[in-house]
Amino acid sequence: MLSLTSVTKRFGALTAVDGISLDLARGEFFGLLGPNGAGKSTTMALIAGLTAPDAGTLTLDGQPLTARHAATRTALGLVPQHLALYPELNAVENLRIFGELYGLHGADLRTRIAAALEAVQLADRAKEPVKNFSGGMQRRLNLVAALLHRPKLLLCDEPTVGVDPQSRNAIFDYLEQLNREGLTIIYSTHYMEEATRLCSRIGIIDHGRLHALGTLDELLTRLPFEEEIRFPATPATIDFAAQLAAHGELTVEDDVRRFRPHPAFPLSAFYALAESHALPGRLFTMQRPTLEAVFLHLTGRTLRE
């Protein structure tokens, strides 16, 4: 449905997007995961046609996707990171403006506005100025403003920034419902739990490049270990830990030993060694790899300001 081929965007000496290639199938819920300044918003702006690439091509259903091809862009809905609402106007007036920009009028527009407000639980606040809304309410209104014209592809650029847990969950539920109904969604975020819950496929972006792409299970294979085994750092486990060191990565944190075995060291060997030291199985807990572990492994732990 959507294809990016070697797309690059520079701002002076800064390369914000560096040769990204991506193919998106119809009906996907795709996550673009990266730290602050990774190139997520620039990638979204390129797809939306808000800025032109310096190199590469973008197509939607085989048609060029640029600022000059307005007809193709009407198939998109964009939920920007920064709210795009008129605070002095009420919810209905805001949605009417966005609907009319897409050529909607009359009874059809009124019906769509009513359904949109009902979907995000704002029907009872329809005539209230948006400036009186909480941050979560404004985010939900911002979302449905991008959906009135029933786009084929929805772009959500960090749509839950500054949102309370209840509104975040309402947004998640609504997006999941839309995706089940067939809407294709690209969702950018730096929150691991959002990508884990929502996305059928995830691309990890940093310094403008896609460093990994796949389902969660596929991304987990990028780690140099498959699982982490934890057990107490007590005198009884000192000799056992000393023998483990040759078979994986062993660390100690808060009186807990954490062991990440090499692929060649099977769990059966681990437990056989533990048994030879008379250590009971209940002493050990298994920790499955996480998306956060993959993310930090690929992007590093350096703070991003």
Protein backbone atom coordinates (compact mmCIF):
# COMPACT_ATOMS: atom_id res chain seq x y z
CA MET A 1 0.00 0.00 0.00
CA LEU A 2 2.73 2.47 1.04
CA SER A 3 6.26 2.33 -0.29
CA LEU A 4 9.31 4.38 0.68
CA THR A 5 12.45 3.83 -1.39
CA SER A 6 15.79 5.25 -0.22
CA VAL A 7 14.08 8.35 1.20
CA THR A 8 16.46 11.03 2.50
CA LYS A 9 15.80 14.45 4.03
CA ARG A 10 18.44 16.97 5.09
CA PHE A 11 18.21 20.23 6.99
CA GLY A 12 21.51 21.95 6.33
CA ALA A 13 24.26 19.75 7.72
CA LEU A 14 21.75 17.54 9.56
CA THR A 15 20.50 14.39 7.83
CA ALA A 16 17.16 13.84 9.56
CA VAL A 17 16.11 10.86 7.43
CA ASP A 18 18.88 8.79 5.91
CA GLY A 19 17.95 6.44 3.06
CA ILE A 20 14.87 4.83 4.61
CA SER A 21 13.15 2.09 2.61
CA LEU A 22 9.87 0.61 3.82
CA ASP A 23 6.91 -1.27 2.37
CA LEU A 24 3.63 -1.23 4.28
CA ALA A 25 0.82 -3.67 3.60
CA ARG A 26 -2.85 -2.73 3.69
CA GLY A 27 -4.35 -3.27 7.14
CA GLU A 28 -1.06 -3.11 9.06
CA PHE A 29 -0.65 -1.34 12.38
CA PHE A 30 2.95 -0.25 11.98
CA GLY A 31 5.00 1.28 14.79
CA LEU A 32 7.86 3.71 14.21
CA LEU A 33 9.81 3.51 17.45
CA GLY A 34 12.76 5.75 18.27
CA PRO A 35 14.26 8.16 20.81
CA ASN A 36 13.76 11.92 20.67
CA GLY A 37 15.38 13.38 17.56
CA ALA A 38 15.55 10.02 15.79
CA GLY A 39 13.71 11.18 12.66
CA LYS A 40 10.18 9.96 13.43
CA SER A 41 8.35 13.26 12.90
CA THR A 42 10.34 14.07 9.76
CA THR A 43 9.45 10.65 8.33
CA MET A 44 5.77 11.32 9.09
CA ALA A 45 5.98 14.75 7.47
CA LEU A 46 7.51 13.21 4.34
CA ILE A 47 4.73 10.62 4.09
CA ALA A 48 2.10 13.32 4.65
CA GLY A 49 3.60 15.47 1.91
CA LEU A 50 4.30 18.35 4.31
CA THR A 51 7.93 18.37 3.22
CA ALA A 52 9.69 17.04 0.13
CA PRO A 53 12.50 14.46 0.21
CA ASP A 54 15.95 15.41 -1.02
CA ALA A 55 16.29 11.91 -2.49
CA GLY A 56 14.16 8.81 -2.90
CA THR A 57 10.49 8.22 -3.69
CA LEU A 58 7.23 7.71 -1.80
CA THR A 59 4.11 6.10 -3.29
CA LEU A 60 0.63 5.25 -2.02
CA ASP A 61 -1.19 2.56 -3.99
CA GLY A 62 1.40 3.08 -6.70
CA GLN A 63 0.76 6.82 -7.00
CA PRO A 64 3.39 9.47 -6.13
CA LEU A 65 2.98 10.86 -2.63
CA THR A 66 4.20 14.46 -2.70
CA ALA A 67 2.84 17.93 -2.00
CA ARG A 68 2.06 18.32 -5.73
CA HIS A 69 -0.21 15.26 -5.80
CA ALA A 70 -3.14 16.53 -3.73
CA ALA A 71 -5.52 13.78 -4.87
CA THR A 72 -3.26 11.08 -3.44
CA ARG A 73 -2.81 12.97 -0.17
CA THR A 74 -6.57 13.03 0.46
CA ALA A 75 -6.26 9.31 1.20
CA LEU A 76 -4.21 10.22 4.30
CA GLY A 77 -5.22 11.33 7.76
CA LEU A 78 -2.61 13.02 9.95
CA VAL A 79 -2.70 13.29 13.74
CA PRO A 80 0.21 15.66 14.44
CA GLN A 81 2.36 15.65 17.56
CA HIS A 82 1.35 19.24 18.31
CA LEU A 83 -2.37 19.88 18.61
CA ALA A 84 -4.00 21.29 15.47
CA LEU A 85 -7.19 22.75 16.93
CA TYR A 86 -8.79 26.18 17.25
CA PRO A 87 -9.08 26.72 21.03
CA GLU A 88 -11.71 29.48 20.88
CA LEU A 89 -14.09 27.31 18.83
CA ASN A 90 -16.13 24.43 20.20
CA ALA A 91 -15.68 20.78 19.28
CA VAL A 92 -18.35 20.74 16.56
CA GLU A 93 -16.99 23.92 14.97
CA ASN A 94 -13.47 22.49 14.92
CA LEU A 95 -14.60 19.28 13.24
CA ARG A 96 -16.74 21.19 10.75
CA ILE A 97 -13.68 23.13 9.59
CA PHE A 98 -11.63 19.97 9.05
CA GLY A 99 -14.53 18.19 7.36
CA GLU A 100 -15.16 21.06 4.94
CA LEU A 101 -11.46 21.18 4.06
CA TYR A 102 -11.98 17.67 2.69
CA GLY A 103 -15.15 18.62 0.80
CA LEU A 104 -17.71 17.31 3.30
CA HIS A 105 -20.93 19.30 3.74
CA GLY A 106 -24.51 19.15 4.93
CA ALA A 107 -26.17 16.15 6.54
CA ASP A 108 -23.26 13.83 5.74
CA LEU A 109 -20.81 16.06 7.62
CA ARG A 110 -23.19 16.47 10.57
CA THR A 111 -23.62 12.71 10.80
CA ARG A 112 -19.88 12.10 10.73
CA ILE A 113 -19.21 14.76 13.37
CA ALA A 114 -21.82 13.28 15.71
CA ALA A 115 -20.40 9.77 15.26
CA ALA A 116 -16.84 11.01 15.81
CA LEU A 117 -17.67 12.80 19.05
CA GLU A 118 -19.57 9.77 20.30
CA ALA A 119 -16.64 7.47 19.46
CA VAL A 120 -14.20 9.45 21.63
CA GLN A 121 -16.72 10.16 24.42
CA LEU A 122 -17.02 13.90 23.77
CA ALA A 123 -20.65 14.10 22.64
CA ASP A 124 -21.70 15.75 25.90
CA ARG A 125 -19.06 18.49 25.42
CA ALA A 126 -19.80 19.15 21.75
CA LYS A 127 -20.67 22.85 22.14
CA GLU A 128 -17.97 23.72 24.65
CA PRO A 129 -14.87 25.74 23.63
CA VAL A 130 -11.88 23.50 23.12
CA LYS A 131 -9.76 25.76 25.36
CA ASN A 132 -11.79 24.39 28.31
CA PHE A 133 -10.94 20.78 27.46
CA SER A 134 -8.33 18.75 29.32
CA GLY A 135 -5.22 17.66 27.43
CA GLY A 136 -6.65 14.18 26.96
CA MET A 137 -9.92 15.52 25.56
CA GLN A 138 -8.07 17.73 23.10
CA ARG A 139 -5.94 14.77 21.98
CA ARG A 140 -9.05 12.69 21.35
CA LEU A 141 -10.65 15.51 19.36
CA ASN A 142 -7.42 15.96 17.41
CA LEU A 143 -7.57 12.27 16.50
CA VAL A 144 -11.10 12.22 15.09
CA ALA A 145 -10.44 15.45 13.13
CA ALA A 146 -8.07 13.35 11.01
CA LEU A 147 -10.67 10.65 10.43
CA LEU A 148 -13.76 12.54 9.23
CA HIS A 149 -12.92 11.99 5.55
CA ARG A 150 -12.37 8.25 6.15
CA PRO A 151 -8.74 7.97 5.02
CA LYS A 152 -7.05 4.78 3.83
CA LEU A 153 -3.95 5.48 5.89
CA LEU A 154 -3.79 7.17 9.30
CA LEU A 155 -0.54 8.77 10.50
CA CYS A 156 -0.30 9.20 14.27
CA ASP A 157 2.76 11.18 15.35
CA GLU A 158 3.16 10.58 19.11
CA PRO A 159 -0.56 11.21 19.71
CA THR A 160 -0.53 10.55 23.48
CA VAL A 161 2.05 13.13 24.61
CA GLY A 162 0.91 14.65 27.91
CA VAL A 163 -2.23 12.52 28.09
CA ASP A 164 -3.69 11.00 31.27
CA PRO A 165 -3.87 7.18 31.54
CA GLN A 166 -7.64 7.03 30.97
CA SER A 167 -7.46 9.08 27.76
CA ARG A 168 -4.44 7.10 26.55
CA ASN A 169 -6.36 3.87 27.00
CA ALA A 170 -9.41 5.32 25.22
CA ILE A 171 -7.20 6.36 22.28
CA PHE A 172 -5.61 2.90 22.17
CA ASP A 173 -8.99 1.15 22.22
CA TYR A 174 -10.29 3.37 19.42
CA LEU A 175 -7.21 2.89 17.22
CA GLU A 176 -7.34 -0.88 17.72
CA GLN A 177 -11.01 -0.88 16.72
CA LEU A 178 -10.25 1.16 13.59
CA ASN A 179 -7.45 -1.21 12.65
CA ARG A 180 -9.70 -4.25 13.10
CA GLU A 181 -12.14 -2.55 10.72
CA GLY A 182 -9.38 -2.34 8.10
CA LEU A 183 -7.71 1.05 8.59
CA THR A 184 -3.95 1.03 7.98
CA ILE A 185 -2.09 2.93 10.71
CA ILE A 186 1.45 4.24 11.18
CA TYR A 187 2.11 5.13 14.80
CA SER A 188 5.28 6.89 15.95
CA THR A 189 6.30 6.72 19.59
CA HIS A 190 9.19 6.44 22.01
CA TYR A 191 7.09 4.46 24.51
CA MET A 192 7.86 0.72 24.42
CA GLU A 193 4.54 -0.28 25.97
CA GLU A 194 2.60 1.53 23.22
CA ALA A 195 4.48 -0.20 20.42
CA THR A 196 4.19 -3.58 22.19
CA ARG A 197 0.44 -3.28 22.71
CA LEU A 198 -0.61 -1.73 19.41
CA CYS A 199 1.71 -2.65 16.58
CA SER A 200 1.76 -5.76 14.42
CA ARG A 201 5.15 -4.71 13.04
CA ILE A 202 7.74 -2.29 14.39
CA GLY A 203 10.59 -0.31 12.85
CA ILE A 204 13.30 0.99 15.20
CA ILE A 205 14.65 4.30 13.93
CA ASP A 206 17.66 6.27 15.21
CA HIS A 207 19.80 9.00 13.64
CA GLY A 208 17.45 8.91 10.66
CA ARG A 209 18.03 5.24 9.84
CA LEU A 210 15.92 2.12 10.27
CA HIS A 211 18.08 -0.17 12.39
CA ALA A 212 15.58 -3.04 12.65
CA LEU A 213 12.21 -3.97 11.19
CA GLY A 214 9.85 -6.82 12.01
CA THR A 215 7.32 -8.27 14.41
CA LEU A 216 8.09 -8.19 18.12
CA ASP A 217 9.24 -11.82 18.06
CA GLU A 218 11.47 -11.12 15.06
CA LEU A 219 13.01 -8.10 16.77
CA LEU A 220 13.77 -10.11 19.90
CA THR A 221 16.07 -12.32 17.83
CA ARG A 222 18.34 -9.26 17.41
CA LEU A 223 19.45 -9.62 21.02
CA PRO A 224 22.65 -11.55 21.74
CA PHE A 225 20.70 -13.57 24.34
CA GLU A 226 17.33 -15.30 24.43
CA GLU A 227 16.34 -14.94 28.07
CA GLU A 228 17.62 -13.77 31.43
CA ILE A 229 17.71 -15.99 34.49
CA ARG A 230 17.73 -14.32 37.90
CA PHE A 231 18.72 -15.75 41.27
CA PRO A 232 19.88 -14.37 44.66
CA ALA A 233 23.46 -13.16 45.11
CA THR A 234 24.10 -15.13 48.31
CA PRO A 235 27.13 -17.10 49.58
CA ALA A 236 25.35 -20.30 48.50
CA THR A 237 25.43 -19.25 44.84
CA ILE A 238 29.02 -17.94 44.64
CA ASP A 239 30.62 -21.12 43.28
CA PHE A 240 27.71 -21.76 40.94
CA ALA A 241 27.96 -18.21 39.54
CA ALA A 242 31.71 -18.57 39.05
CA GLN A 243 31.12 -21.60 36.79
CA LEU A 244 28.33 -19.82 34.90
CA ALA A 245 30.56 -16.90 33.91
CA ALA A 246 32.09 -18.89 31.04
CA HIS A 247 28.66 -19.61 29.53
CA GLY A 248 27.09 -16.16 29.27
CA GLU A 249 26.83 -12.63 30.61
CA LEU A 250 26.62 -12.49 34.40
CA THR A 251 25.90 -9.29 36.35
CA VAL A 252 24.85 -8.41 39.91
CA GLU A 253 22.30 -5.72 40.77
CA ASP A 254 20.52 -5.15 44.09
CA ASP A 255 21.69 -8.51 45.48
CA VAL A 256 20.30 -10.30 42.43
CA ARG A 257 22.47 -12.16 39.93
CA ARG A 258 21.35 -11.85 36.31
CA PHE A 259 22.53 -14.44 33.83
CA ARG A 260 22.09 -14.16 30.06
CA PRO A 261 23.22 -17.46 28.53
CA HIS A 262 25.11 -17.78 25.27
CA PRO A 263 23.00 -19.48 22.54
CA ALA A 264 25.20 -22.57 22.80
CA PHE A 265 24.40 -23.02 26.51
CA PRO A 266 20.94 -24.65 26.76
CA LEU A 267 18.61 -24.38 29.73
CA SER A 268 19.02 -28.07 30.39
CA ALA A 269 22.74 -27.50 30.98
CA PHE A 270 21.98 -24.57 33.26
CA TYR A 271 19.66 -26.57 35.47
CA ALA A 272 21.98 -29.58 35.47
CA LEU A 273 24.76 -27.34 36.77
CA ALA A 274 22.40 -25.87 39.39
CA GLU A 275 21.44 -29.38 40.50
CA SER A 276 25.09 -30.34 40.88
CA HIS A 277 25.39 -27.45 43.36
CA ALA A 278 22.24 -28.61 45.21
CA LEU A 279 20.38 -25.42 44.25
CA PRO A 280 16.58 -25.88 44.00
CA GLY A 281 14.67 -24.82 40.88
CA ARG A 282 12.46 -22.43 42.87
CA LEU A 283 15.54 -20.27 43.43
CA PHE A 284 15.50 -19.15 39.78
CA THR A 285 13.16 -16.89 37.81
CA MET A 286 13.10 -16.57 34.04
CA GLN A 287 12.80 -13.16 32.37
CA ARG A 288 11.77 -13.06 28.69
CA PRO A 289 13.54 -10.49 26.48
CA THR A 290 11.60 -7.24 25.99
CA LEU A 291 11.24 -4.63 23.27
CA GLU A 292 13.01 -2.19 25.58
CA ALA A 293 16.04 -4.48 25.68
CA VAL A 294 16.11 -4.59 21.87
CA PHE A 295 15.67 -0.81 21.67
CA LEU A 296 18.56 -0.08 24.06
CA HIS A 297 20.73 -2.72 22.39
CA LEU A 298 20.28 -1.02 19.00
CA THR A 299 20.20 2.66 20.01
CA GLY A 300 22.44 2.69 23.09
CA ARG A 301 21.89 4.12 26.55
CA THR A 302 23.16 7.65 25.96
CA LEU A 303 20.72 10.32 27.15
CA ARG A 304 18.94 12.28 24.39
CA GLU A 305 18.18 15.92 25.19
